[in-house]
Amino acid sequence: MLNLFPALNLMEAAAADPTMAMIVQILPFVVLIVVFYFMLIRPQRKKEKEENNMRNSLEVGDVITTRGGIVGTVSGIKDDVITIETGANKVRITIQRWAVASREEKLSN
């Protein structure tokens, strides 16, 4: 006979065996953790890794946007400090490397 509800067999087995009962109770939590990992944690780590690679590959002449919304051209890089030029007067601003939100394009002079 075709069993349309295999979960019922699992519940019947759980009623007979205490170890199986514990597995049946823990199984939904394990499935939930696995789903959270693949839908939330893993994509977030991948995004952070891509952002770190972008920040580490910055070069002089790149146009960047900071987390505060300031757009400027990279004019100097020293360790974790980046100097950018922004505005018509070429005002220089020093920022931390982590404050870079995105790289727009590279200016060719």
PDB file of N, CA and C in Angstrom:
ATOM      1  N   MET A   1       0.839  -1.177   0.000  1.00  0.00           N
ATOM      2  CA  MET A   1       0.000   0.000   0.000  1.00  0.00           C
ATOM      3  C   MET A   1       0.887   1.245   0.000  1.00  0.00           C
ATOM      4  N   LEU A   2       0.490   2.248  -0.769  1.00  0.00           N
ATOM      5  CA  LEU A   2       1.236   3.491  -0.881  1.00  0.00           C
ATOM      6  C   LEU A   2       0.986   4.359   0.339  1.00  0.00           C
ATOM      7  N   ASN A   3       2.074   4.786   0.981  1.00  0.00           N
ATOM      8  CA  ASN A   3       1.946   5.620   2.171  1.00  0.00           C
ATOM      9  C   ASN A   3       2.061   7.088   1.758  1.00  0.00           C
ATOM     10  N   LEU A   4       0.992   7.839   1.927  1.00  0.00           N
ATOM     11  CA  LEU A   4       0.983   9.248   1.543  1.00  0.00           C
ATOM     12  C   LEU A   4       1.536  10.159   2.632  1.00  0.00           C
ATOM     13  N   PHE A   5       1.629   9.661   3.841  1.00  0.00           N
ATOM     14  CA  PHE A   5       2.097  10.473   4.952  1.00  0.00           C
ATOM     15  C   PHE A   5       3.254   9.765   5.670  1.00  0.00           C
ATOM     16  N   PRO A   6       4.478   9.859   5.123  1.00  0.00           N
ATOM     17  CA  PRO A   6       5.605   9.177   5.767  1.00  0.00           C
ATOM     18  C   PRO A   6       5.917   9.760   7.140  1.00  0.00           C
ATOM     19  N   ALA A   7       5.526  10.996   7.399  1.00  0.00           N
ATOM     20  CA  ALA A   7       5.787  11.599   8.701  1.00  0.00           C
ATOM     21  C   ALA A   7       5.022  10.873   9.795  1.00  0.00           C
ATOM     22  N   LEU A   8       3.875  10.304   9.465  1.00  0.00           N
ATOM     23  CA  LEU A   8       3.115   9.554  10.461  1.00  0.00           C
ATOM     24  C   LEU A   8       3.879   8.324  10.908  1.00  0.00           C
ATOM     25  N   ASN A   9       4.546   7.649   9.975  1.00  0.00           N
ATOM     26  CA  ASN A   9       5.373   6.500  10.351  1.00  0.00           C
ATOM     27  C   ASN A   9       6.501   6.922  11.273  1.00  0.00           C
ATOM     28  N   LEU A  10       7.079   8.083  11.029  1.00  0.00           N
ATOM     29  CA  LEU A  10       8.151   8.598  11.864  1.00  0.00           C
ATOM     30  C   LEU A  10       7.632   8.897  13.263  1.00  0.00           C
ATOM     31  N   MET A  11       6.434   9.436  13.349  1.00  0.00           N
ATOM     32  CA  MET A  11       5.844   9.737  14.652  1.00  0.00           C
ATOM     33  C   MET A  11       5.515   8.448  15.405  1.00  0.00           C
ATOM     34  N   GLU A  12       5.042   7.427  14.691  1.00  0.00           N
ATOM     35  CA  GLU A  12       4.757   6.148  15.338  1.00  0.00           C
ATOM     36  C   GLU A  12       6.039   5.519  15.855  1.00  0.00           C
ATOM     37  N   ALA A  13       7.106   5.615  15.089  1.00  0.00           N
ATOM     38  CA  ALA A  13       8.394   5.080  15.526  1.00  0.00           C
ATOM     39  C   ALA A  13       8.914   5.862  16.719  1.00  0.00           C
ATOM     40  N   ALA A  14       8.673   7.166  16.732  1.00  0.00           N
ATOM     41  CA  ALA A  14       9.122   8.008  17.840  1.00  0.00           C
ATOM     42  C   ALA A  14       8.388   7.656  19.119  1.00  0.00           C
ATOM     43  N   ALA A  15       7.124   7.264  19.003  1.00  0.00           N
ATOM     44  CA  ALA A  15       6.362   6.892  20.192  1.00  0.00           C
ATOM     45  C   ALA A  15       6.928   5.618  20.816  1.00  0.00           C
ATOM     46  N   ALA A  16       7.480   4.735  20.008  1.00  0.00           N
ATOM     47  CA  ALA A  16       8.002   3.473  20.516  1.00  0.00           C
ATOM     48  C   ALA A  16       9.426   3.599  21.047  1.00  0.00           C
ATOM     49  N   ASP A  17      10.236   4.507  20.497  1.00  0.00           N
ATOM     50  CA  ASP A  17      11.652   4.608  20.854  1.00  0.00           C
ATOM     51  C   ASP A  17      11.958   6.009  21.366  1.00  0.00           C
ATOM     52  N   PRO A  18      12.438   6.158  22.598  1.00  0.00           N
ATOM     53  CA  PRO A  18      12.727   7.491  23.141  1.00  0.00           C
ATOM     54  C   PRO A  18      13.829   8.229  22.377  1.00  0.00           C
ATOM     55  N   THR A  19      14.812   7.492  21.855  1.00  0.00           N
ATOM     56  CA  THR A  19      15.875   8.132  21.080  1.00  0.00           C
ATOM     57  C   THR A  19      15.308   8.734  19.796  1.00  0.00           C
ATOM     58  N   MET A  20      14.433   7.988  19.163  1.00  0.00           N
ATOM     59  CA  MET A  20      13.789   8.480  17.946  1.00  0.00           C
ATOM     60  C   MET A  20      12.905   9.682  18.250  1.00  0.00           C
ATOM     61  N   ALA A  21      12.285   9.692  19.412  1.00  0.00           N
ATOM     62  CA  ALA A  21      11.442  10.824  19.804  1.00  0.00           C
ATOM     63  C   ALA A  21      12.279  12.090  19.934  1.00  0.00           C
ATOM     64  N   MET A  22      13.474  11.966  20.498  1.00  0.00           N
ATOM     65  CA  MET A  22      14.344  13.132  20.637  1.00  0.00           C
ATOM     66  C   MET A  22      14.812  13.628  19.264  1.00  0.00           C
ATOM     67  N   ILE A  23      15.119  12.707  18.375  1.00  0.00           N
ATOM     68  CA  ILE A  23      15.537  13.092  17.024  1.00  0.00           C
ATOM     69  C   ILE A  23      14.414  13.816  16.297  1.00  0.00           C
ATOM     70  N   VAL A  24      13.196  13.319  16.449  1.00  0.00           N
ATOM     71  CA  VAL A  24      12.044  13.953  15.796  1.00  0.00           C
ATOM     72  C   VAL A  24      11.826  15.352  16.342  1.00  0.00           C
ATOM     73  N   GLN A  25      12.089  15.579  17.607  1.00  0.00           N
ATOM     74  CA  GLN A  25      11.914  16.913  18.194  1.00  0.00           C
ATOM     75  C   GLN A  25      13.021  17.872  17.765  1.00  0.00           C
ATOM     76  N   ILE A  26      14.243  17.376  17.611  1.00  0.00           N
ATOM     77  CA  ILE A  26      15.381  18.232  17.278  1.00  0.00           C
ATOM     78  C   ILE A  26      15.475  18.503  15.782  1.00  0.00           C
ATOM     79  N   LEU A  27      14.986  17.605  14.957  1.00  0.00           N
ATOM     80  CA  LEU A  27      15.111  17.713  13.508  1.00  0.00           C
ATOM     81  C   LEU A  27      14.610  19.038  12.926  1.00  0.00           C
ATOM     82  N   PRO A  28      13.458  19.570  13.326  1.00  0.00           N
ATOM     83  CA  PRO A  28      13.022  20.857  12.757  1.00  0.00           C
ATOM     84  C   PRO A  28      13.992  22.014  13.055  1.00  0.00           C
ATOM     85  N   PHE A  29      14.608  21.994  14.223  1.00  0.00           N
ATOM     86  CA  PHE A  29      15.565  23.048  14.565  1.00  0.00           C
ATOM     87  C   PHE A  29      16.825  22.951  13.721  1.00  0.00           C
ATOM     88  N   VAL A  30      17.272  21.735  13.485  1.00  0.00           N
ATOM     89  CA  VAL A  30      18.452  21.534  12.641  1.00  0.00           C
ATOM     90  C   VAL A  30      18.165  22.015  11.224  1.00  0.00           C
ATOM     91  N   VAL A  31      16.997  21.672  10.703  1.00  0.00           N
ATOM     92  CA  VAL A  31      16.611  22.116   9.361  1.00  0.00           C
ATOM     93  C   VAL A  31      16.530  23.640   9.316  1.00  0.00           C
ATOM     94  N   LEU A  32      15.986  24.252  10.348  1.00  0.00           N
ATOM     95  CA  LEU A  32      15.880  25.710  10.404  1.00  0.00           C
ATOM     96  C   LEU A  32      17.259  26.370  10.411  1.00  0.00           C
ATOM     97  N   ILE A  33      18.187  25.817  11.153  1.00  0.00           N
ATOM     98  CA  ILE A  33      19.548  26.370  11.204  1.00  0.00           C
ATOM     99  C   ILE A  33      20.223  26.265   9.840  1.00  0.00           C
ATOM    100  N   VAL A  34      20.054  25.133   9.178  1.00  0.00           N
ATOM    101  CA  VAL A  34      20.651  24.953   7.852  1.00  0.00           C
ATOM    102  C   VAL A  34      20.062  25.947   6.863  1.00  0.00           C
ATOM    103  N   VAL A  35      18.752  26.146   6.912  1.00  0.00           N
ATOM    104  CA  VAL A  35      18.095  27.108   6.010  1.00  0.00           C
ATOM    105  C   VAL A  35      18.605  28.520   6.293  1.00  0.00           C
ATOM    106  N   PHE A  36      18.710  28.913   7.557  1.00  0.00           N
ATOM    107  CA  PHE A  36      19.228  30.240   7.894  1.00  0.00           C
ATOM    108  C   PHE A  36      20.650  30.415   7.393  1.00  0.00           C
ATOM    109  N   TYR A  37      21.473  29.383   7.519  1.00  0.00           N
ATOM    110  CA  TYR A  37      22.857  29.488   7.067  1.00  0.00           C
ATOM    111  C   TYR A  37      22.911  29.770   5.571  1.00  0.00           C
ATOM    112  N   PHE A  38      22.174  28.987   4.779  1.00  0.00           N
ATOM    113  CA  PHE A  38      22.259  29.138   3.333  1.00  0.00           C
ATOM    114  C   PHE A  38      21.513  30.358   2.809  1.00  0.00           C
ATOM    115  N   MET A  39      20.549  30.883   3.542  1.00  0.00           N
ATOM    116  CA  MET A  39      19.789  32.030   3.045  1.00  0.00           C
ATOM    117  C   MET A  39      20.252  33.362   3.631  1.00  0.00           C
ATOM    118  N   LEU A  40      20.879  33.349   4.800  1.00  0.00           N
ATOM    119  CA  LEU A  40      21.267  34.609   5.435  1.00  0.00           C
ATOM    120  C   LEU A  40      22.767  34.737   5.668  1.00  0.00           C
ATOM    121  N   ILE A  41      23.346  33.792   6.339  1.00  0.00           N
ATOM    122  CA  ILE A  41      24.739  33.922   6.773  1.00  0.00           C
ATOM    123  C   ILE A  41      25.710  33.803   5.608  1.00  0.00           C
ATOM    124  N   ARG A  42      25.543  32.797   4.771  1.00  0.00           N
ATOM    125  CA  ARG A  42      26.477  32.583   3.661  1.00  0.00           C
ATOM    126  C   ARG A  42      26.487  33.743   2.663  1.00  0.00           C
ATOM    127  N   PRO A  43      25.330  34.254   2.207  1.00  0.00           N
ATOM    128  CA  PRO A  43      25.369  35.403   1.292  1.00  0.00           C
ATOM    129  C   PRO A  43      25.991  36.649   1.924  1.00  0.00           C
ATOM    130  N   GLN A  44      25.758  36.857   3.225  1.00  0.00           N
ATOM    131  CA  GLN A  44      26.339  38.014   3.897  1.00  0.00           C
ATOM    132  C   GLN A  44      27.861  37.919   3.931  1.00  0.00           C
ATOM    133  N   ARG A  45      28.386  36.738   4.230  1.00  0.00           N
ATOM    134  CA  ARG A  45      29.844  36.557   4.239  1.00  0.00           C
ATOM    135  C   ARG A  45      30.434  36.757   2.847  1.00  0.00           C
ATOM    136  N   LYS A  46      29.742  36.290   1.830  1.00  0.00           N
ATOM    137  CA  LYS A  46      30.219  36.455   0.455  1.00  0.00           C
ATOM    138  C   LYS A  46      30.268  37.938   0.091  1.00  0.00           C
ATOM    139  N   LYS A  47      29.244  38.689   0.489  1.00  0.00           N
ATOM    140  CA  LYS A  47      29.208  40.125   0.204  1.00  0.00           C
ATOM    141  C   LYS A  47      30.343  40.859   0.935  1.00  0.00           C
ATOM    142  N   GLU A  48      30.577  40.504   2.193  1.00  0.00           N
ATOM    143  CA  GLU A  48      31.668  41.122   2.946  1.00  0.00           C
ATOM    144  C   GLU A  48      33.023  40.821   2.317  1.00  0.00           C
ATOM    145  N   LYS A  49      33.206  39.607   1.841  1.00  0.00           N
ATOM    146  CA  LYS A  49      34.468  39.232   1.198  1.00  0.00           C
ATOM    147  C   LYS A  49      34.679  40.032  -0.077  1.00  0.00           C
ATOM    148  N   GLU A  50      33.616  40.220  -0.895  1.00  0.00           N
ATOM    149  CA  GLU A  50      33.727  41.011  -2.116  1.00  0.00           C
ATOM    150  C   GLU A  50      34.043  42.468  -1.804  1.00  0.00           C
ATOM    151  N   GLU A  51      33.422  43.027  -0.744  1.00  0.00           N
ATOM    152  CA  GLU A  51      33.703  44.413  -0.358  1.00  0.00           C
ATOM    153  C   GLU A  51      35.142  44.568   0.103  1.00  0.00           C
ATOM    154  N   ASN A  52      35.650  43.622   0.880  1.00  0.00           N
ATOM    155  CA  ASN A  52      37.044  43.684   1.331  1.00  0.00           C
ATOM    156  C   ASN A  52      38.008  43.585   0.156  1.00  0.00           C
ATOM    157  N   ASN A  53      37.709  42.733  -0.812  1.00  0.00           N
ATOM    158  CA  ASN A  53      38.561  42.631  -2.004  1.00  0.00           C
ATOM    159  C   ASN A  53      38.559  43.941  -2.783  1.00  0.00           C
ATOM    160  N   MET A  54      37.389  44.583  -2.884  1.00  0.00           N
ATOM    161  CA  MET A  54      37.296  45.867  -3.588  1.00  0.00           C
ATOM    162  C   MET A  54      38.126  46.922  -2.859  1.00  0.00           C
ATOM    163  N   ARG A  55      38.018  46.985  -1.545  1.00  0.00           N
ATOM    164  CA  ARG A  55      38.772  47.984  -0.775  1.00  0.00           C
ATOM    165  C   ARG A  55      40.279  47.744  -0.868  1.00  0.00           C
ATOM    166  N   ASN A  56      40.686  46.473  -0.869  1.00  0.00           N
ATOM    167  CA  ASN A  56      42.117  46.163  -0.937  1.00  0.00           C
ATOM    168  C   ASN A  56      42.701  46.378  -2.328  1.00  0.00           C
ATOM    169  N   SER A  57      41.854  46.443  -3.357  1.00  0.00           N
ATOM    170  CA  SER A  57      42.359  46.623  -4.715  1.00  0.00           C
ATOM    171  C   SER A  57      42.242  48.075  -5.196  1.00  0.00           C
ATOM    172  N   LEU A  58      41.945  48.990  -4.289  1.00  0.00           N
ATOM    173  CA  LEU A  58      41.861  50.404  -4.680  1.00  0.00           C
ATOM    174  C   LEU A  58      43.219  50.912  -5.139  1.00  0.00           C
ATOM    175  N   GLU A  59      43.184  51.772  -6.142  1.00  0.00           N
ATOM    176  CA  GLU A  59      44.402  52.376  -6.673  1.00  0.00           C
ATOM    177  C   GLU A  59      44.199  53.874  -6.807  1.00  0.00           C
ATOM    178  N   VAL A  60      45.302  54.594  -6.912  1.00  0.00           N
ATOM    179  CA  VAL A  60      45.245  56.036  -7.129  1.00  0.00           C
ATOM    180  C   VAL A  60      44.540  56.289  -8.458  1.00  0.00           C
ATOM    181  N   GLY A  61      43.577  57.203  -8.448  1.00  0.00           N
ATOM    182  CA  GLY A  61      42.814  57.533  -9.645  1.00  0.00           C
ATOM    183  C   GLY A  61      41.418  56.939  -9.647  1.00  0.00           C
ATOM    184  N   ASP A  62      41.149  55.983  -8.758  1.00  0.00           N
ATOM    185  CA  ASP A  62      39.804  55.404  -8.676  1.00  0.00           C
ATOM    186  C   ASP A  62      38.828  56.423  -8.099  1.00  0.00           C
ATOM    187  N   VAL A  63      37.627  56.434  -8.641  1.00  0.00           N
ATOM    188  CA  VAL A  63      36.563  57.278  -8.101  1.00  0.00           C
ATOM    189  C   VAL A  63      35.775  56.415  -7.124  1.00  0.00           C
ATOM    190  N   ILE A  64      35.667  56.903  -5.872  1.00  0.00           N
ATOM    191  CA  ILE A  64      34.995  56.129  -4.834  1.00  0.00           C
ATOM    192  C   ILE A  64      33.873  56.938  -4.201  1.00  0.00           C
ATOM    193  N   THR A  65      32.982  56.229  -3.549  1.00  0.00           N
ATOM    194  CA  THR A  65      31.946  56.841  -2.729  1.00  0.00           C
ATOM    195  C   THR A  65      32.127  56.306  -1.320  1.00  0.00           C
ATOM    196  N   THR A  66      32.139  57.206  -0.344  1.00  0.00           N
ATOM    197  CA  THR A  66      32.298  56.779   1.041  1.00  0.00           C
ATOM    198  C   THR A  66      30.946  56.385   1.609  1.00  0.00           C
ATOM    199  N   ARG A  67      30.971  55.781   2.783  1.00  0.00           N
ATOM    200  CA  ARG A  67      29.722  55.407   3.445  1.00  0.00           C
ATOM    201  C   ARG A  67      28.901  56.639   3.813  1.00  0.00           C
ATOM    202  N   GLY A  68      29.542  57.761   3.935  1.00  0.00           N
ATOM    203  CA  GLY A  68      28.842  59.005   4.241  1.00  0.00           C
ATOM    204  C   GLY A  68      28.305  59.710   3.009  1.00  0.00           C
ATOM    205  N   GLY A  69      28.589  59.171   1.823  1.00  0.00           N
ATOM    206  CA  GLY A  69      28.074  59.736   0.594  1.00  0.00           C
ATOM    207  C   GLY A  69      29.009  60.706  -0.106  1.00  0.00           C
ATOM    208  N   ILE A  70      30.228  60.841   0.358  1.00  0.00           N
ATOM    209  CA  ILE A  70      31.196  61.733  -0.279  1.00  0.00           C
ATOM    210  C   ILE A  70      31.806  61.011  -1.473  1.00  0.00           C
ATOM    211  N   VAL A  71      31.796  61.690  -2.623  1.00  0.00           N
ATOM    212  CA  VAL A  71      32.374  61.129  -3.841  1.00  0.00           C
ATOM    213  C   VAL A  71      33.688  61.846  -4.108  1.00  0.00           C
ATOM    214  N   GLY A  72      34.734  61.085  -4.380  1.00  0.00           N
ATOM    215  CA  GLY A  72      36.026  61.693  -4.648  1.00  0.00           C
ATOM    216  C   GLY A  72      36.952  60.734  -5.373  1.00  0.00           C
ATOM    217  N   THR A  73      38.084  61.283  -5.792  1.00  0.00           N
ATOM    218  CA  THR A  73      39.097  60.514  -6.503  1.00  0.00           C
ATOM    219  C   THR A  73      40.242  60.193  -5.548  1.00  0.00           C
ATOM    220  N   VAL A  74      40.663  58.940  -5.530  1.00  0.00           N
ATOM    221  CA  VAL A  74      41.751  58.526  -4.644  1.00  0.00           C
ATOM    222  C   VAL A  74      43.031  59.202  -5.109  1.00  0.00           C
ATOM    223  N   SER A  75      43.687  59.926  -4.171  1.00  0.00           N
ATOM    224  CA  SER A  75      44.941  60.590  -4.522  1.00  0.00           C
ATOM    225  C   SER A  75      46.123  60.012  -3.762  1.00  0.00           C
ATOM    226  N   GLY A  76      45.846  59.207  -2.751  1.00  0.00           N
ATOM    227  CA  GLY A  76      46.940  58.583  -2.015  1.00  0.00           C
ATOM    228  C   GLY A  76      46.427  57.471  -1.125  1.00  0.00           C
ATOM    229  N   ILE A  77      47.253  56.430  -0.976  1.00  0.00           N
ATOM    230  CA  ILE A  77      46.894  55.301  -0.128  1.00  0.00           C
ATOM    231  C   ILE A  77      48.095  54.966   0.738  1.00  0.00           C
ATOM    232  N   LYS A  78      47.867  54.892   2.039  1.00  0.00           N
ATOM    233  CA  LYS A  78      48.927  54.515   2.965  1.00  0.00           C
ATOM    234  C   LYS A  78      48.301  53.642   4.048  1.00  0.00           C
ATOM    235  N   ASP A  79      48.651  52.359   4.041  1.00  0.00           N
ATOM    236  CA  ASP A  79      48.099  51.364   4.968  1.00  0.00           C
ATOM    237  C   ASP A  79      46.573  51.374   4.908  1.00  0.00           C
ATOM    238  N   ASP A  80      45.926  51.735   6.022  1.00  0.00           N
ATOM    239  CA  ASP A  80      44.465  51.755   6.070  1.00  0.00           C
ATOM    240  C   ASP A  80      43.900  53.165   5.949  1.00  0.00           C
ATOM    241  N   VAL A  81      44.717  54.118   5.523  1.00  0.00           N
ATOM    242  CA  VAL A  81      44.277  55.508   5.360  1.00  0.00           C
ATOM    243  C   VAL A  81      44.314  55.861   3.883  1.00  0.00           C
ATOM    244  N   ILE A  82      43.211  56.425   3.406  1.00  0.00           N
ATOM    245  CA  ILE A  82      43.109  56.820   1.998  1.00  0.00           C
ATOM    246  C   ILE A  82      42.842  58.311   1.941  1.00  0.00           C
ATOM    247  N   THR A  83      43.548  59.002   1.046  1.00  0.00           N
ATOM    248  CA  THR A  83      43.326  60.426   0.820  1.00  0.00           C
ATOM    249  C   THR A  83      42.577  60.572  -0.492  1.00  0.00           C
ATOM    250  N   ILE A  84      41.465  61.327  -0.437  1.00  0.00           N
ATOM    251  CA  ILE A  84      40.691  61.552  -1.661  1.00  0.00           C
ATOM    252  C   ILE A  84      40.598  63.037  -1.940  1.00  0.00           C
ATOM    253  N   GLU A  85      40.453  63.356  -3.221  1.00  0.00           N
ATOM    254  CA  GLU A  85      40.217  64.739  -3.645  1.00  0.00           C
ATOM    255  C   GLU A  85      38.769  64.835  -4.086  1.00  0.00           C
ATOM    256  N   THR A  86      38.097  65.858  -3.615  1.00  0.00           N
ATOM    257  CA  THR A  86      36.685  66.012  -3.948  1.00  0.00           C
ATOM    258  C   THR A  86      36.374  67.482  -4.180  1.00  0.00           C
ATOM    259  N   GLY A  87      35.379  67.738  -4.989  1.00  0.00           N
ATOM    260  CA  GLY A  87      34.935  69.102  -5.250  1.00  0.00           C
ATOM    261  C   GLY A  87      35.754  69.790  -6.310  1.00  0.00           C
ATOM    262  N   ALA A  88      35.281  70.976  -6.702  1.00  0.00           N
ATOM    263  CA  ALA A  88      35.944  71.752  -7.745  1.00  0.00           C
ATOM    264  C   ALA A  88      37.294  72.295  -7.287  1.00  0.00           C
ATOM    265  N   ASN A  89      37.447  72.528  -5.995  1.00  0.00           N
ATOM    266  CA  ASN A  89      38.702  73.070  -5.458  1.00  0.00           C
ATOM    267  C   ASN A  89      39.705  71.985  -5.116  1.00  0.00           C
ATOM    268  N   LYS A  90      39.382  70.728  -5.424  1.00  0.00           N
ATOM    269  CA  LYS A  90      40.262  69.590  -5.138  1.00  0.00           C
ATOM    270  C   LYS A  90      40.622  69.513  -3.654  1.00  0.00           C
ATOM    271  N   VAL A  91      39.617  69.634  -2.823  1.00  0.00           N
ATOM    272  CA  VAL A  91      39.802  69.533  -1.381  1.00  0.00           C
ATOM    273  C   VAL A  91      40.210  68.104  -1.049  1.00  0.00           C
ATOM    274  N   ARG A  92      41.252  67.964  -0.236  1.00  0.00           N
ATOM    275  CA  ARG A  92      41.729  66.631   0.142  1.00  0.00           C
ATOM    276  C   ARG A  92      41.126  66.228   1.482  1.00  0.00           C
ATOM    277  N   ILE A  93      40.618  64.998   1.519  1.00  0.00           N
ATOM    278  CA  ILE A  93      40.018  64.443   2.726  1.00  0.00           C
ATOM    279  C   ILE A  93      40.696  63.104   2.996  1.00  0.00           C
ATOM    280  N   THR A  94      41.027  62.879   4.252  1.00  0.00           N
ATOM    281  CA  THR A  94      41.632  61.609   4.645  1.00  0.00           C
ATOM    282  C   THR A  94      40.555  60.764   5.312  1.00  0.00           C
ATOM    283  N   ILE A  95      40.412  59.520   4.831  1.00  0.00           N
ATOM    284  CA  ILE A  95      39.404  58.612   5.371  1.00  0.00           C
ATOM    285  C   ILE A  95      40.042  57.259   5.670  1.00  0.00           C
ATOM    286  N   GLN A  96      39.367  56.461   6.445  1.00  0.00           N
ATOM    287  CA  GLN A  96      39.795  55.092   6.706  1.00  0.00           C
ATOM    288  C   GLN A  96      39.358  54.209   5.541  1.00  0.00           C
ATOM    289  N   ARG A  97      40.093  53.153   5.291  1.00  0.00           N
ATOM    290  CA  ARG A  97      39.788  52.243   4.184  1.00  0.00           C
ATOM    291  C   ARG A  97      38.407  51.607   4.346  1.00  0.00           C
ATOM    292  N   TRP A  98      37.993  51.295   5.586  1.00  0.00           N
ATOM    293  CA  TRP A  98      36.700  50.649   5.802  1.00  0.00           C
ATOM    294  C   TRP A  98      35.532  51.563   5.444  1.00  0.00           C
ATOM    295  N   ALA A  99      35.769  52.876   5.335  1.00  0.00           N
ATOM    296  CA  ALA A  99      34.695  53.821   5.052  1.00  0.00           C
ATOM    297  C   ALA A  99      34.340  53.889   3.569  1.00  0.00           C
ATOM    298  N   VAL A 100      35.069  53.185   2.722  1.00  0.00           N
ATOM    299  CA  VAL A 100      34.773  53.180   1.289  1.00  0.00           C
ATOM    300  C   VAL A 100      33.588  52.254   1.046  1.00  0.00           C
ATOM    301  N   ALA A 101      32.531  52.803   0.430  1.00  0.00           N
ATOM    302  CA  ALA A 101      31.330  52.012   0.160  1.00  0.00           C
ATOM    303  C   ALA A 101      31.383  51.364  -1.216  1.00  0.00           C
ATOM    304  N   SER A 102      31.862  52.121  -2.217  1.00  0.00           N
ATOM    305  CA  SER A 102      31.907  51.548  -3.570  1.00  0.00           C
ATOM    306  C   SER A 102      32.959  52.257  -4.407  1.00  0.00           C
ATOM    307  N   ARG A 103      33.380  51.564  -5.453  1.00  0.00           N
ATOM    308  CA  ARG A 103      34.300  52.128  -6.426  1.00  0.00           C
ATOM    309  C   ARG A 103      33.514  52.329  -7.704  1.00  0.00           C
ATOM    310  N   GLU A 104      33.516  53.535  -8.220  1.00  0.00           N
ATOM    311  CA  GLU A 104      32.696  53.853  -9.395  1.00  0.00           C
ATOM    312  C   GLU A 104      33.404  53.494 -10.695  1.00  0.00           C
ATOM    313  N   GLU A 105      34.530  54.105 -10.947  1.00  0.00           N
ATOM    314  CA  GLU A 105      35.270  53.890 -12.188  1.00  0.00           C
ATOM    315  C   GLU A 105      36.656  54.472 -12.021  1.00  0.00           C
ATOM    316  N   LYS A 106      37.513  54.231 -12.941  1.00  0.00           N
ATOM    317  CA  LYS A 106      38.849  54.804 -12.883  1.00  0.00           C
ATOM    318  C   LYS A 106      38.948  55.914 -13.922  1.00  0.00           C
ATOM    319  N   LEU A 107      39.407  57.082 -13.465  1.00  0.00           N
ATOM    320  CA  LEU A 107      39.569  58.214 -14.373  1.00  0.00           C
ATOM    321  C   LEU A 107      40.845  58.029 -15.177  1.00  0.00           C
ATOM    322  N   SER A 108      40.766  58.291 -16.447  1.00  0.00           N
ATOM    323  CA  SER A 108      41.982  58.224 -17.269  1.00  0.00           C
ATOM    324  C   SER A 108      42.401  59.634 -17.624  1.00  0.00           C
ATOM    325  N   ASN A 109      43.617  59.980 -17.252  1.00  0.00           N
ATOM    326  CA  ASN A 109      44.141  61.336 -17.535  1.00  0.00           C
ATOM    327  C   ASN A 109      45.132  61.289 -18.653  1.00  0.00           C
TER     328      ASN A 109
END
